[in-house]
Amino acid sequence: MKRLQRIAMLCLLIASAAWAQSNLEINTPAISQIRSTMQSRHAQLAPYYASGAVGLTADGGVALRDATAVPLAQRPAVQGLIAQENADRASLYREIARANGHPEWEADIRSTFAQRWIERAQAGWYIQSGGAWNKK
């Protein structure tokens, strides 16, 4: 049994070392296009982050946190922006994993980016933690 535990630990260490060597800043034409689209959309989403209507989720996405902070007539447009943002974020995580030659790392990359988004969020934005929304 002890030998199996050592083998399992060795496998975990090897996997961790490989993951640490991944390049999260890798750039391909697909990644560049996704980032460009996200950057353009950010200007449209920023007022909704600032008002608290939209927040950053713990899983690396964005969500409509407070619909009442968005005028009724604007809600479909905001929900569309959120859907586009989440689709692009999912594509970004997938493309980075693929560009590193390890599509199986997509969930780990998503988790890493989720932490990065939250760390880089501006003061006053809402972030999700432990299933609850908190103002940064």
N, C-alpha and C. Protein backbone atom coordinates (compact mmCIF):
# COMPACT_ATOMS: atom_id res chain seq x y z
N MET A 1 0.82 -1.19 0.00
CA MET A 1 0.00 0.00 0.00
C MET A 1 0.86 1.25 0.00
N LYS A 2 1.93 1.21 0.79
CA LYS A 2 2.81 2.37 0.86
C LYS A 2 3.43 2.66 -0.51
N ARG A 3 3.75 1.64 -1.23
CA ARG A 3 4.33 1.82 -2.56
C ARG A 3 3.33 2.49 -3.50
N LEU A 4 2.08 2.08 -3.43
CA LEU A 4 1.04 2.71 -4.26
C LEU A 4 0.87 4.18 -3.90
N GLN A 5 0.96 4.51 -2.64
CA GLN A 5 0.84 5.91 -2.22
C GLN A 5 2.01 6.73 -2.78
N ARG A 6 3.20 6.16 -2.75
CA ARG A 6 4.36 6.87 -3.29
C ARG A 6 4.23 7.07 -4.79
N ILE A 7 3.73 6.07 -5.48
CA ILE A 7 3.53 6.18 -6.92
C ILE A 7 2.48 7.25 -7.22
N ALA A 8 1.41 7.26 -6.46
CA ALA A 8 0.37 8.27 -6.65
C ALA A 8 0.92 9.67 -6.41
N MET A 9 1.71 9.84 -5.37
CA MET A 9 2.32 11.14 -5.07
C MET A 9 3.27 11.57 -6.19
N LEU A 10 4.04 10.62 -6.71
CA LEU A 10 4.96 10.92 -7.79
C LEU A 10 4.18 11.37 -9.03
N CYS A 11 3.09 10.70 -9.33
CA CYS A 11 2.25 11.09 -10.47
C CYS A 11 1.70 12.50 -10.28
N LEU A 12 1.26 12.80 -9.07
CA LEU A 12 0.75 14.14 -8.79
C LEU A 12 1.84 15.20 -8.95
N LEU A 13 3.03 14.90 -8.48
CA LEU A 13 4.13 15.85 -8.62
C LEU A 13 4.49 16.09 -10.08
N ILE A 14 4.50 15.03 -10.86
CA ILE A 14 4.81 15.16 -12.29
C ILE A 14 3.73 15.99 -12.98
N ALA A 15 2.47 15.71 -12.68
CA ALA A 15 1.37 16.47 -13.28
C ALA A 15 1.43 17.93 -12.86
N SER A 16 1.74 18.19 -11.60
CA SER A 16 1.84 19.57 -11.11
C SER A 16 2.99 20.31 -11.80
N ALA A 17 4.11 19.63 -11.98
CA ALA A 17 5.25 20.25 -12.64
C ALA A 17 4.92 20.57 -14.09
N ALA A 18 4.23 19.67 -14.76
CA ALA A 18 3.84 19.90 -16.15
C ALA A 18 2.88 21.09 -16.23
N TRP A 19 1.91 21.14 -15.33
CA TRP A 19 0.95 22.24 -15.32
C TRP A 19 1.67 23.57 -15.08
N ALA A 20 2.64 23.58 -14.17
CA ALA A 20 3.36 24.81 -13.86
C ALA A 20 4.13 25.32 -15.08
N GLN A 21 4.46 24.43 -16.00
CA GLN A 21 5.21 24.83 -17.18
C GLN A 21 4.31 25.32 -18.31
N SER A 22 3.00 25.30 -18.12
CA SER A 22 2.11 25.77 -19.18
C SER A 22 2.27 27.27 -19.34
N ASN A 23 1.98 27.74 -20.53
CA ASN A 23 2.13 29.15 -20.86
C ASN A 23 0.74 29.77 -20.97
N LEU A 24 0.33 30.49 -19.93
CA LEU A 24 -0.99 31.11 -19.94
C LEU A 24 -1.02 32.35 -20.84
N GLU A 25 0.13 32.86 -21.17
CA GLU A 25 0.21 34.06 -22.03
C GLU A 25 0.47 33.69 -23.48
N ILE A 26 0.33 32.43 -23.81
CA ILE A 26 0.57 31.97 -25.17
C ILE A 26 -0.36 32.70 -26.13
N ASN A 27 0.12 32.94 -27.32
CA ASN A 27 -0.68 33.69 -28.28
C ASN A 27 -0.71 32.98 -29.63
N THR A 28 -1.90 32.74 -30.09
CA THR A 28 -2.14 32.18 -31.41
C THR A 28 -3.12 33.12 -32.09
N PRO A 29 -3.33 32.99 -33.39
CA PRO A 29 -4.33 33.85 -34.04
C PRO A 29 -5.72 33.72 -33.39
N ALA A 30 -6.10 32.52 -33.03
CA ALA A 30 -7.42 32.32 -32.40
C ALA A 30 -7.49 33.02 -31.05
N ILE A 31 -6.45 32.86 -30.24
CA ILE A 31 -6.41 33.50 -28.91
C ILE A 31 -6.39 35.01 -29.06
N SER A 32 -5.63 35.51 -30.00
CA SER A 32 -5.55 36.95 -30.24
C SER A 32 -6.92 37.51 -30.62
N GLN A 33 -7.64 36.80 -31.46
CA GLN A 33 -8.97 37.25 -31.88
C GLN A 33 -9.94 37.26 -30.70
N ILE A 34 -9.90 36.22 -29.90
CA ILE A 34 -10.79 36.15 -28.72
C ILE A 34 -10.49 37.30 -27.77
N ARG A 35 -9.22 37.51 -27.49
CA ARG A 35 -8.83 38.59 -26.56
C ARG A 35 -9.24 39.96 -27.10
N SER A 36 -9.10 40.16 -28.39
CA SER A 36 -9.49 41.43 -29.01
C SER A 36 -10.99 41.67 -28.86
N THR A 37 -11.77 40.65 -29.12
CA THR A 37 -13.22 40.76 -28.98
C THR A 37 -13.61 41.04 -27.53
N MET A 38 -12.96 40.34 -26.60
CA MET A 38 -13.24 40.56 -25.18
C MET A 38 -12.87 41.98 -24.76
N GLN A 39 -11.76 42.46 -25.26
CA GLN A 39 -11.31 43.81 -24.90
C GLN A 39 -12.31 44.85 -25.40
N SER A 40 -12.81 44.67 -26.61
CA SER A 40 -13.82 45.59 -27.15
C SER A 40 -15.10 45.55 -26.32
N ARG A 41 -15.49 44.37 -25.91
CA ARG A 41 -16.73 44.21 -25.14
C ARG A 41 -16.58 44.78 -23.72
N HIS A 42 -15.38 44.77 -23.20
CA HIS A 42 -15.15 45.25 -21.83
C HIS A 42 -15.67 46.67 -21.65
N ALA A 43 -15.46 47.53 -22.64
CA ALA A 43 -15.93 48.91 -22.53
C ALA A 43 -17.45 48.96 -22.36
N GLN A 44 -18.15 48.01 -22.96
CA GLN A 44 -19.61 47.96 -22.82
C GLN A 44 -20.03 47.39 -21.47
N LEU A 45 -19.26 46.46 -20.94
CA LEU A 45 -19.59 45.83 -19.67
C LEU A 45 -19.15 46.63 -18.45
N ALA A 46 -18.11 47.44 -18.60
CA ALA A 46 -17.52 48.16 -17.46
C ALA A 46 -18.54 48.94 -16.64
N PRO A 47 -19.47 49.68 -17.26
CA PRO A 47 -20.45 50.39 -16.42
C PRO A 47 -21.32 49.45 -15.58
N TYR A 48 -21.57 48.27 -16.09
CA TYR A 48 -22.39 47.30 -15.36
C TYR A 48 -21.61 46.63 -14.22
N TYR A 49 -20.30 46.47 -14.42
CA TYR A 49 -19.47 46.01 -13.30
C TYR A 49 -19.48 47.08 -12.21
N ALA A 50 -19.29 48.33 -12.62
CA ALA A 50 -19.20 49.45 -11.66
C ALA A 50 -20.51 49.64 -10.89
N SER A 51 -21.64 49.41 -11.54
CA SER A 51 -22.93 49.61 -10.86
C SER A 51 -23.31 48.43 -9.98
N GLY A 52 -22.59 47.32 -10.16
CA GLY A 52 -22.91 46.11 -9.40
C GLY A 52 -23.93 45.23 -10.07
N ALA A 53 -24.37 45.61 -11.24
CA ALA A 53 -25.35 44.79 -11.97
C ALA A 53 -24.73 43.48 -12.42
N VAL A 54 -23.49 43.54 -12.85
CA VAL A 54 -22.77 42.37 -13.35
C VAL A 54 -21.58 42.10 -12.43
N GLY A 55 -21.34 40.83 -12.17
CA GLY A 55 -20.21 40.45 -11.32
C GLY A 55 -19.40 39.33 -11.92
N LEU A 56 -18.23 39.11 -11.36
CA LEU A 56 -17.33 38.04 -11.78
C LEU A 56 -17.63 36.79 -10.97
N THR A 57 -17.86 35.69 -11.67
CA THR A 57 -18.20 34.44 -10.98
C THR A 57 -16.95 33.69 -10.56
N ALA A 58 -17.10 32.83 -9.60
CA ALA A 58 -15.98 32.04 -9.07
C ALA A 58 -15.44 31.05 -10.09
N ASP A 59 -16.23 30.74 -11.12
CA ASP A 59 -15.80 29.75 -12.11
C ASP A 59 -15.21 30.37 -13.38
N GLY A 60 -14.86 31.67 -13.32
CA GLY A 60 -14.20 32.29 -14.46
C GLY A 60 -15.13 32.92 -15.47
N GLY A 61 -16.38 33.13 -15.11
CA GLY A 61 -17.33 33.77 -16.00
C GLY A 61 -17.83 35.07 -15.43
N VAL A 62 -18.87 35.59 -16.03
CA VAL A 62 -19.55 36.77 -15.54
C VAL A 62 -21.04 36.45 -15.45
N ALA A 63 -21.75 37.17 -14.59
CA ALA A 63 -23.18 36.91 -14.42
C ALA A 63 -23.92 38.20 -14.11
N LEU A 64 -25.19 38.21 -14.44
CA LEU A 64 -26.06 39.31 -14.05
C LEU A 64 -26.36 39.12 -12.57
N ARG A 65 -25.77 39.96 -11.75
CA ARG A 65 -25.88 39.84 -10.31
C ARG A 65 -27.13 40.53 -9.78
N ASP A 66 -27.46 41.68 -10.34
CA ASP A 66 -28.60 42.46 -9.87
C ASP A 66 -29.33 43.04 -11.07
N ALA A 67 -30.34 42.33 -11.53
CA ALA A 67 -31.10 42.76 -12.71
C ALA A 67 -31.78 44.10 -12.49
N THR A 68 -32.13 44.40 -11.25
CA THR A 68 -32.82 45.67 -10.99
C THR A 68 -31.91 46.88 -11.20
N ALA A 69 -30.61 46.67 -11.28
CA ALA A 69 -29.67 47.77 -11.53
C ALA A 69 -29.57 48.09 -13.02
N VAL A 70 -30.28 47.33 -13.85
CA VAL A 70 -30.28 47.54 -15.29
C VAL A 70 -31.70 47.90 -15.71
N PRO A 71 -31.88 49.03 -16.40
CA PRO A 71 -33.22 49.37 -16.87
C PRO A 71 -33.80 48.22 -17.71
N LEU A 72 -35.07 48.00 -17.55
CA LEU A 72 -35.75 46.88 -18.21
C LEU A 72 -35.46 46.82 -19.71
N ALA A 73 -35.47 47.95 -20.36
CA ALA A 73 -35.24 48.00 -21.81
C ALA A 73 -33.82 47.56 -22.19
N GLN A 74 -32.87 47.69 -21.25
CA GLN A 74 -31.47 47.34 -21.53
C GLN A 74 -31.12 45.91 -21.14
N ARG A 75 -31.97 45.26 -20.38
CA ARG A 75 -31.63 43.92 -19.88
C ARG A 75 -31.32 42.90 -20.97
N PRO A 76 -32.11 42.83 -22.05
CA PRO A 76 -31.75 41.85 -23.09
C PRO A 76 -30.36 42.10 -23.68
N ALA A 77 -30.01 43.36 -23.87
CA ALA A 77 -28.69 43.68 -24.42
C ALA A 77 -27.59 43.27 -23.44
N VAL A 78 -27.80 43.55 -22.16
CA VAL A 78 -26.80 43.19 -21.14
C VAL A 78 -26.68 41.68 -21.05
N GLN A 79 -27.79 40.98 -21.07
CA GLN A 79 -27.74 39.51 -21.03
C GLN A 79 -27.03 38.96 -22.26
N GLY A 80 -27.20 39.62 -23.40
CA GLY A 80 -26.48 39.21 -24.61
C GLY A 80 -24.98 39.42 -24.46
N LEU A 81 -24.59 40.56 -23.89
CA LEU A 81 -23.16 40.82 -23.65
C LEU A 81 -22.57 39.78 -22.72
N ILE A 82 -23.32 39.43 -21.68
CA ILE A 82 -22.85 38.42 -20.71
C ILE A 82 -22.69 37.07 -21.40
N ALA A 83 -23.66 36.70 -22.22
CA ALA A 83 -23.58 35.41 -22.93
C ALA A 83 -22.38 35.39 -23.87
N GLN A 84 -22.14 36.48 -24.59
CA GLN A 84 -21.00 36.56 -25.50
C GLN A 84 -19.69 36.50 -24.72
N GLU A 85 -19.64 37.21 -23.59
CA GLU A 85 -18.43 37.22 -22.77
C GLU A 85 -18.12 35.82 -22.25
N ASN A 86 -19.13 35.15 -21.74
CA ASN A 86 -18.91 33.80 -21.21
C ASN A 86 -18.51 32.82 -22.31
N ALA A 87 -19.08 32.96 -23.49
CA ALA A 87 -18.69 32.10 -24.61
C ALA A 87 -17.23 32.35 -24.99
N ASP A 88 -16.84 33.62 -25.03
CA ASP A 88 -15.45 33.94 -25.36
C ASP A 88 -14.48 33.47 -24.28
N ARG A 89 -14.88 33.61 -23.03
CA ARG A 89 -14.01 33.13 -21.95
C ARG A 89 -13.82 31.62 -22.05
N ALA A 90 -14.89 30.90 -22.31
CA ALA A 90 -14.78 29.44 -22.46
C ALA A 90 -13.87 29.09 -23.65
N SER A 91 -14.02 29.84 -24.73
CA SER A 91 -13.16 29.60 -25.90
C SER A 91 -11.71 29.93 -25.59
N LEU A 92 -11.48 31.00 -24.83
CA LEU A 92 -10.12 31.37 -24.45
C LEU A 92 -9.46 30.27 -23.64
N TYR A 93 -10.15 29.75 -22.64
CA TYR A 93 -9.58 28.69 -21.81
C TYR A 93 -9.26 27.46 -22.65
N ARG A 94 -10.19 27.11 -23.53
CA ARG A 94 -10.01 25.93 -24.39
C ARG A 94 -8.83 26.12 -25.33
N GLU A 95 -8.73 27.31 -25.94
CA GLU A 95 -7.65 27.57 -26.90
C GLU A 95 -6.28 27.62 -26.22
N ILE A 96 -6.21 28.17 -25.03
CA ILE A 96 -4.93 28.19 -24.31
C ILE A 96 -4.50 26.77 -23.98
N ALA A 97 -5.43 25.96 -23.52
CA ALA A 97 -5.09 24.56 -23.22
C ALA A 97 -4.62 23.84 -24.48
N ARG A 98 -5.34 24.06 -25.58
CA ARG A 98 -4.98 23.40 -26.84
C ARG A 98 -3.62 23.89 -27.35
N ALA A 99 -3.38 25.20 -27.25
CA ALA A 99 -2.10 25.76 -27.73
C ALA A 99 -0.92 25.24 -26.92
N ASN A 100 -1.17 24.87 -25.67
CA ASN A 100 -0.12 24.28 -24.84
C ASN A 100 0.03 22.79 -25.09
N GLY A 101 -0.81 22.25 -25.96
CA GLY A 101 -0.73 20.82 -26.27
C GLY A 101 -1.39 19.94 -25.23
N HIS A 102 -2.23 20.52 -24.37
CA HIS A 102 -2.88 19.76 -23.30
C HIS A 102 -4.33 20.20 -23.14
N PRO A 103 -5.20 19.77 -24.03
CA PRO A 103 -6.61 20.15 -23.91
C PRO A 103 -7.23 19.71 -22.59
N GLU A 104 -6.65 18.71 -21.96
CA GLU A 104 -7.18 18.23 -20.67
C GLU A 104 -6.94 19.23 -19.54
N TRP A 105 -6.16 20.26 -19.77
CA TRP A 105 -5.89 21.28 -18.75
C TRP A 105 -6.93 22.40 -18.74
N GLU A 106 -7.93 22.31 -19.60
CA GLU A 106 -8.89 23.41 -19.72
C GLU A 106 -9.50 23.80 -18.37
N ALA A 107 -9.91 22.85 -17.56
CA ALA A 107 -10.52 23.17 -16.26
C ALA A 107 -9.52 23.87 -15.35
N ASP A 108 -8.27 23.45 -15.37
CA ASP A 108 -7.25 24.10 -14.54
C ASP A 108 -6.98 25.53 -15.02
N ILE A 109 -6.97 25.72 -16.31
CA ILE A 109 -6.75 27.06 -16.87
C ILE A 109 -7.93 27.95 -16.51
N ARG A 110 -9.13 27.43 -16.60
CA ARG A 110 -10.33 28.18 -16.20
C ARG A 110 -10.20 28.62 -14.74
N SER A 111 -9.80 27.72 -13.88
CA SER A 111 -9.67 28.02 -12.46
C SER A 111 -8.61 29.10 -12.22
N THR A 112 -7.50 29.00 -12.91
CA THR A 112 -6.43 29.98 -12.77
C THR A 112 -6.90 31.36 -13.24
N PHE A 113 -7.58 31.38 -14.38
CA PHE A 113 -8.09 32.66 -14.88
C PHE A 113 -9.16 33.23 -13.96
N ALA A 114 -9.99 32.39 -13.38
CA ALA A 114 -11.01 32.86 -12.44
C ALA A 114 -10.35 33.62 -11.30
N GLN A 115 -9.27 33.08 -10.78
CA GLN A 115 -8.54 33.75 -9.71
C GLN A 115 -7.94 35.06 -10.20
N ARG A 116 -7.38 35.05 -11.41
CA ARG A 116 -6.78 36.26 -11.97
C ARG A 116 -7.83 37.36 -12.17
N TRP A 117 -8.98 37.00 -12.75
CA TRP A 117 -10.03 38.00 -12.98
C TRP A 117 -10.43 38.65 -11.66
N ILE A 118 -10.59 37.82 -10.63
CA ILE A 118 -11.03 38.33 -9.33
C ILE A 118 -9.95 39.20 -8.69
N GLU A 119 -8.69 38.78 -8.79
CA GLU A 119 -7.59 39.58 -8.25
C GLU A 119 -7.48 40.94 -8.94
N ARG A 120 -7.75 40.96 -10.23
CA ARG A 120 -7.60 42.19 -11.01
C ARG A 120 -8.87 43.04 -11.05
N ALA A 121 -9.93 42.57 -10.45
CA ALA A 121 -11.18 43.33 -10.44
C ALA A 121 -10.97 44.66 -9.72
N GLN A 122 -11.64 45.67 -10.20
CA GLN A 122 -11.53 46.99 -9.58
C GLN A 122 -12.28 47.02 -8.26
N ALA A 123 -11.86 47.89 -7.37
CA ALA A 123 -12.57 48.09 -6.11
C ALA A 123 -14.00 48.49 -6.43
N GLY A 124 -14.94 47.91 -5.72
CA GLY A 124 -16.35 48.21 -5.93
C GLY A 124 -17.06 47.20 -6.82
N TRP A 125 -16.32 46.40 -7.57
CA TRP A 125 -16.94 45.37 -8.40
C TRP A 125 -17.35 44.21 -7.50
N TYR A 126 -18.34 43.46 -7.96
CA TYR A 126 -18.79 42.30 -7.21
C TYR A 126 -18.12 41.03 -7.73
N ILE A 127 -17.70 40.21 -6.77
CA ILE A 127 -17.08 38.93 -7.09
C ILE A 127 -17.80 37.84 -6.30
N GLN A 128 -17.85 36.69 -6.90
CA GLN A 128 -18.52 35.57 -6.26
C GLN A 128 -17.49 34.74 -5.51
N SER A 129 -17.83 34.40 -4.28
CA SER A 129 -16.95 33.59 -3.47
C SER A 129 -17.79 32.74 -2.55
N GLY A 130 -17.58 31.45 -2.59
CA GLY A 130 -18.35 30.55 -1.74
C GLY A 130 -19.85 30.62 -1.97
N GLY A 131 -20.24 30.92 -3.21
CA GLY A 131 -21.65 30.98 -3.56
C GLY A 131 -22.32 32.31 -3.21
N ALA A 132 -21.57 33.25 -2.63
CA ALA A 132 -22.13 34.55 -2.26
C ALA A 132 -21.43 35.65 -3.05
N TRP A 133 -22.13 36.74 -3.23
CA TRP A 133 -21.56 37.92 -3.91
C TRP A 133 -20.98 38.86 -2.86
N ASN A 134 -19.77 39.32 -3.10
CA ASN A 134 -19.11 40.25 -2.20
C ASN A 134 -18.53 41.40 -3.02
N LYS A 135 -18.60 42.58 -2.47
CA LYS A 135 -18.02 43.75 -3.10
C LYS A 135 -16.53 43.77 -2.83
N LYS A 136 -15.75 43.94 -3.87
CA LYS A 136 -14.30 43.97 -3.68
C LYS A 136 -13.88 45.32 -3.14
